C-alpha atoms as a PDB file:
ATOM      1  CA  MET A   1     126.894 109.269  76.310  1.00  0.00           C
ATOM      2  CA  THR A   2     123.739 109.519  74.209  1.00  0.00           C
ATOM      3  CA  GLU A   3     120.572 107.431  74.452  1.00  0.00           C
ATOM      4  CA  SER A   4     121.703 105.302  71.503  1.00  0.00           C
ATOM      5  CA  ASP A   5     125.074 104.641  73.180  1.00  0.00           C
ATOM      6  CA  ALA A   6     123.264 103.726  76.398  1.00  0.00           C
ATOM      7  CA  GLU A   7     121.192 101.149  74.530  1.00  0.00           C
ATOM      8  CA  MET A   8     124.374  99.245  73.722  1.00  0.00           C
ATOM      9  CA  THR A   9     125.387  98.688  77.352  1.00  0.00           C
ATOM     10  CA  SER A  10     124.027  95.847  79.468  1.00  0.00           C
ATOM     11  CA  LEU A  11     123.968  97.909  82.674  1.00  0.00           C
ATOM     12  CA  ARG A  12     123.241 101.543  83.379  1.00  0.00           C
ATOM     13  CA  LYS A  13     123.782 102.281  87.042  1.00  0.00           C
ATOM     14  CA  ALA A  14     121.211 104.258  88.988  1.00  0.00           C
ATOM     15  CA  GLY A  15     122.340 107.649  90.169  1.00  0.00           C
ATOM     16  CA  GLU A  16     120.708 110.008  92.597  1.00  0.00           C
ATOM     17  CA  ALA A  17     117.277 111.552  92.214  1.00  0.00           C
ATOM     18  CA  PHE A  18     115.954 109.085  89.626  1.00  0.00           C
ATOM     19  CA  ARG A  19     118.728 109.578  87.106  1.00  0.00           C
ATOM     20  CA  TRP A  20     120.536 106.763  85.346  1.00  0.00           C
ATOM     21  CA  GLN A  21     124.073 106.616  84.020  1.00  0.00           C
ATOM     22  CA  GLY A  22     124.134 107.188  80.277  1.00  0.00           C
ATOM     23  CA  VAL A  23     120.438 108.092  80.036  1.00  0.00           C
ATOM     24  CA  GLU A  24     119.737 111.555  78.701  1.00  0.00           C
ATOM     25  CA  HIS A  25     117.494 113.785  80.823  1.00  0.00           C
ATOM     26  CA  ARG A  26     115.279 115.535  78.274  1.00  0.00           C
ATOM     27  CA  PRO A  27     112.336 117.881  78.053  1.00  0.00           C
ATOM     28  CA  TYR A  28     108.955 116.153  77.987  1.00  0.00           C
ATOM     29  CA  LYS A  29     108.061 117.481  74.527  1.00  0.00           C
ATOM     30  CA  ASP A  30     108.873 120.391  72.257  1.00  0.00           C
ATOM     31  CA  ALA A  31     107.750 123.550  74.037  1.00  0.00           C
ATOM     32  CA  ASP A  32     105.256 124.543  71.323  1.00  0.00           C
ATOM     33  CA  SER A  33     103.802 121.090  70.630  1.00  0.00           C
ATOM     34  CA  ALA A  34     101.098 120.968  73.350  1.00  0.00           C
ATOM     35  CA  PRO A  35     100.219 122.440  76.749  1.00  0.00           C
ATOM     36  CA  PHE A  36     102.197 120.992  79.670  1.00  0.00           C
ATOM     37  CA  LYS A  37     104.135 122.336  82.630  1.00  0.00           C
ATOM     38  CA  ALA A  38     107.352 121.368  84.438  1.00  0.00           C
ATOM     39  CA  ILE A  39     107.859 117.793  83.236  1.00  0.00           C
ATOM     40  CA  SER A  40     110.902 115.865  82.020  1.00  0.00           C
ATOM     41  CA  ARG A  41     111.473 112.436  80.515  1.00  0.00           C
ATOM     42  CA  GLN A  42     114.158 109.814  80.260  1.00  0.00           C
ATOM     43  CA  THR A  43     113.977 106.880  77.856  1.00  0.00           C
ATOM     44  CA  LEU A  44     115.263 103.919  79.862  1.00  0.00           C
ATOM     45  CA  PHE A  45     114.741 101.152  77.300  1.00  0.00           C
ATOM     46  CA  SER A  46     114.081 101.517  73.597  1.00  0.00           C
ATOM     47  CA  ASP A  47     114.975  98.637  71.333  1.00  0.00           C
ATOM     48  CA  PRO A  48     112.952  97.382  68.335  1.00  0.00           C
ATOM     49  CA  ARG A  49     113.431  93.825  69.586  1.00  0.00           C
ATOM     50  CA  LEU A  50     111.436  94.666  72.720  1.00  0.00           C
ATOM     51  CA  LEU A  51     108.479  96.100  70.773  1.00  0.00           C
ATOM     52  CA  GLY A  52     108.054  98.487  73.690  1.00  0.00           C
ATOM     53  CA  GLU A  53     109.654 101.502  75.273  1.00  0.00           C
ATOM     54  CA  LEU A  54     110.082 102.157  79.001  1.00  0.00           C
ATOM     55  CA  ARG A  55     110.315 105.809  79.990  1.00  0.00           C
ATOM     56  CA  TYR A  56     110.623 107.685  83.265  1.00  0.00           C
ATOM     57  CA  PHE A  57     108.739 110.952  83.646  1.00  0.00           C
ATOM     58  CA  GLU A  58     109.072 113.431  86.451  1.00  0.00           C
ATOM     59  CA  ILE A  59     106.601 116.250  87.031  1.00  0.00           C
ATOM     60  CA  ALA A  60     107.683 119.099  89.313  1.00  0.00           C
ATOM     61  CA  PRO A  61     105.286 120.354  92.010  1.00  0.00           C
ATOM     62  CA  GLY A  62     102.354 122.119  90.348  1.00  0.00           C
ATOM     63  CA  GLY A  63     103.263 120.659  86.945  1.00  0.00           C
ATOM     64  CA  PHE A  64     101.205 118.514  84.599  1.00  0.00           C
ATOM     65  CA  SER A  65     101.432 116.380  81.467  1.00  0.00           C
ATOM     66  CA  THR A  66      99.530 117.085  78.272  1.00  0.00           C
ATOM     67  CA  LEU A  67      95.831 116.251  78.188  1.00  0.00           C
ATOM     68  CA  GLU A  68      95.717 113.801  75.282  1.00  0.00           C
ATOM     69  CA  ARG A  69      94.547 110.494  73.874  1.00  0.00           C
ATOM     70  CA  HIS A  70      95.839 108.111  71.213  1.00  0.00           C
ATOM     71  CA  GLU A  71      95.480 104.674  69.718  1.00  0.00           C
ATOM     72  CA  HIS A  72      98.137 102.994  71.882  1.00  0.00           C
ATOM     73  CA  MET A  73      97.878 101.894  75.526  1.00  0.00           C
ATOM     74  CA  HIS A  74     100.002 103.026  78.450  1.00  0.00           C
ATOM     75  CA  ALA A  75     101.030 101.090  81.540  1.00  0.00           C
ATOM     76  CA  VAL A  76     102.207 103.412  84.332  1.00  0.00           C
ATOM     77  CA  MET A  77     103.834 102.696  87.704  1.00  0.00           C
ATOM     78  CA  VAL A  78     104.279 105.544  90.163  1.00  0.00           C
ATOM     79  CA  LEU A  79     107.750 105.463  91.750  1.00  0.00           C
ATOM     80  CA  SER A  80     107.815 108.629  93.834  1.00  0.00           C
ATOM     81  CA  GLY A  81     105.690 111.507  95.051  1.00  0.00           C
ATOM     82  CA  ARG A  82     101.964 111.979  95.056  1.00  0.00           C
ATOM     83  CA  GLY A  83      99.562 113.526  92.610  1.00  0.00           C
ATOM     84  CA  HIS A  84      96.445 112.835  90.602  1.00  0.00           C
ATOM     85  CA  CYS A  85      95.613 111.499  87.179  1.00  0.00           C
ATOM     86  CA  LEU A  86      92.660 111.772  84.884  1.00  0.00           C
ATOM     87  CA  VAL A  87      91.795 108.574  83.013  1.00  0.00           C
ATOM     88  CA  GLY A  88      88.650 108.980  80.949  1.00  0.00           C
ATOM     89  CA  SER A  89      86.186 110.613  83.329  1.00  0.00           C
ATOM     90  CA  GLU A  90      87.811 109.314  86.519  1.00  0.00           C
ATOM     91  CA  ILE A  91      90.216 111.182  88.797  1.00  0.00           C
ATOM     92  CA  HIS A  92      92.616 109.031  90.823  1.00  0.00           C
ATOM     93  CA  ALA A  93      94.877 110.036  93.707  1.00  0.00           C
ATOM     94  CA  LEU A  94      98.363 108.622  93.119  1.00  0.00           C
ATOM     95  CA  GLN A  95     101.070 107.406  95.475  1.00  0.00           C
ATOM     96  CA  PRO A  96     104.207 105.280  95.070  1.00  0.00           C
ATOM     97  CA  HIS A  97     103.710 101.816  93.565  1.00  0.00           C
ATOM     98  CA  ASP A  98     100.240 102.564  92.181  1.00  0.00           C
ATOM     99  CA  LEU A  99      99.625 101.103  88.723  1.00  0.00           C
ATOM    100  CA  VAL A 100      97.594 102.956  86.109  1.00  0.00           C
ATOM    101  CA  THR A 101      96.297 101.415  82.879  1.00  0.00           C
ATOM    102  CA  ILE A 102      95.337 103.813  80.115  1.00  0.00           C
ATOM    103  CA  GLU A 103      93.248 102.152  77.439  1.00  0.00           C
ATOM    104  CA  PRO A 104      93.440 103.258  73.784  1.00  0.00           C
ATOM    105  CA  TRP A 105      91.608 106.483  72.882  1.00  0.00           C
ATOM    106  CA  THR A 106      91.160 107.450  76.552  1.00  0.00           C
ATOM    107  CA  TRP A 107      91.732 111.055  77.625  1.00  0.00           C
ATOM    108  CA  HIS A 108      94.456 111.198  80.269  1.00  0.00           C
ATOM    109  CA  GLN A 109      96.635 113.633  82.159  1.00  0.00           C
ATOM    110  CA  PHE A 110      98.929 113.486  85.202  1.00  0.00           C
ATOM    111  CA  ARG A 111      99.395 116.265  87.779  1.00  0.00           C
ATOM    112  CA  ALA A 112     101.983 116.462  90.558  1.00  0.00           C
ATOM    113  CA  GLY A 113     101.119 117.372  94.125  1.00  0.00           C
ATOM    114  CA  GLU A 114     103.417 119.254  96.502  1.00  0.00           C
ATOM    115  CA  ALA A 115     106.449 117.092  95.667  1.00  0.00           C
ATOM    116  CA  PRO A 116     107.753 115.829  92.327  1.00  0.00           C
ATOM    117  CA  LEU A 117     105.706 112.969  90.855  1.00  0.00           C
ATOM    118  CA  GLY A 118     107.898 110.327  89.202  1.00  0.00           C
ATOM    119  CA  PHE A 119     106.577 107.406  87.193  1.00  0.00           C
ATOM    120  CA  LEU A 120     107.550 104.723  84.718  1.00  0.00           C
ATOM    121  CA  CYS A 121     105.527 104.525  81.518  1.00  0.00           C
ATOM    122  CA  LEU A 122     105.532 101.509  79.204  1.00  0.00           C
ATOM    123  CA  VAL A 123     104.299 102.065  75.637  1.00  0.00           C
ATOM    124  CA  ASN A 124     104.605 100.459  72.210  1.00  0.00           C
ATOM    125  CA  ALA A 125     107.886 101.261  70.483  1.00  0.00           C
ATOM    126  CA  MET A 126     105.987 102.073  67.287  1.00  0.00           C
ATOM    127  CA  ARG A 127     103.050 104.277  68.220  1.00  0.00           C
ATOM    128  CA  ASP A 128     100.725 106.923  66.870  1.00  0.00           C
ATOM    129  CA  ARG A 129     100.910 110.649  67.643  1.00  0.00           C
ATOM    130  CA  PRO A 130      98.829 112.045  70.505  1.00  0.00           C
ATOM    131  CA  GLN A 131      95.515 113.718  69.751  1.00  0.00           C
ATOM    132  CA  LEU A 132      94.776 116.937  71.653  1.00  0.00           C
ATOM    133  CA  PRO A 133      91.230 117.835  72.692  1.00  0.00           C
ATOM    134  CA  ASN A 134      89.239 120.335  70.657  1.00  0.00           C
ATOM    135  CA  GLU A 135      86.716 122.778  72.170  1.00  0.00           C
ATOM    136  CA  GLU A 136      83.919 120.213  71.979  1.00  0.00           C
ATOM    137  CA  ASP A 137      86.055 117.573  73.742  1.00  0.00           C
ATOM    138  CA  ILE A 138      86.975 120.052  76.494  1.00  0.00           C
ATOM    139  CA  ALA A 139      83.314 120.991  76.989  1.00  0.00           C
ATOM    140  CA  ALA A 140      82.356 117.313  77.265  1.00  0.00           C
ATOM    141  CA  LEU A 141      85.131 116.655  79.801  1.00  0.00           C
ATOM    142  CA  ARG A 142      84.205 119.764  81.819  1.00  0.00           C
ATOM    143  CA  SER A 143      80.563 118.641  82.057  1.00  0.00           C
ATOM    144  CA  ASN A 144      81.808 116.397  84.880  1.00  0.00           C
ATOM    145  CA  ALA A 145      82.459 118.620  87.938  1.00  0.00           C
ATOM    146  CA  SER A 146      85.337 116.448  89.218  1.00  0.00           C
ATOM    147  CA  VAL A 147      87.053 116.521  85.830  1.00  0.00           C
ATOM    148  CA  ALA A 148      86.558 120.293  85.567  1.00  0.00           C
ATOM    149  CA  ALA A 149      88.150 120.738  89.025  1.00  0.00           C
ATOM    150  CA  PHE A 150      91.072 118.510  87.971  1.00  0.00           C
ATOM    151  CA  LEU A 151      91.614 120.431  84.731  1.00  0.00           C
ATOM    152  CA  ASP A 152      91.596 123.668  86.731  1.00  0.00           C
ATOM    153  CA  GLY A 153      94.354 122.296  88.971  1.00  0.00           C
ATOM    154  CA  ARG A 154      92.038 121.687  91.925  1.00  0.00           C
ATOM    155  CA  ALA A 155      92.414 117.905  92.044  1.00  0.00           C
ATOM    156  CA  GLY A 156      92.282 117.841  95.853  1.00  0.00           C
ATOM    157  CA  SER A 157      88.667 119.024  95.709  1.00  0.00           C
ATOM    158  CA  ALA A 158      87.792 116.390  93.116  1.00  0.00           C
ATOM    159  CA  GLU A 159      86.729 112.849  93.906  1.00  0.00           C
ATOM    160  CA  GLU A 160      89.707 110.809  95.034  1.00  0.00           C
ATOM    161  CA  GLY A 161      89.561 107.241  93.822  1.00  0.00           C
END
């Protein structure tokens, strides 16, 4: 069953390990599109009538999402695991049931801890493409010691908020 077939059913049963019946388990992005490591996605709801899309992402231990920003907002709810996220210039420790709001044009990235980090992400159905940081953006982000530690994969030594 494909994602489009799954959209036509009124119920998709939960399986084990955060998988859902009829929902395709896919790579996070195309391998050459942007830097990321060990992350997958599942689109749980995508219907133009909703004006939004609900996705489930899972980052394997030591993995991370792309450092990016864009015009649209994100609403994130952590379901499993622990990790850290960068939102603007703030680093936050994450645990199950935490909620993260990512405002438009805010740099953000998620990193898993020692166990997989799983989270729901609600976005606009129609949205812009992510913008990756250039050298100047990276230098500005790295001017904050906590952000530099996070980007280097040393989130545990960064400020935990």
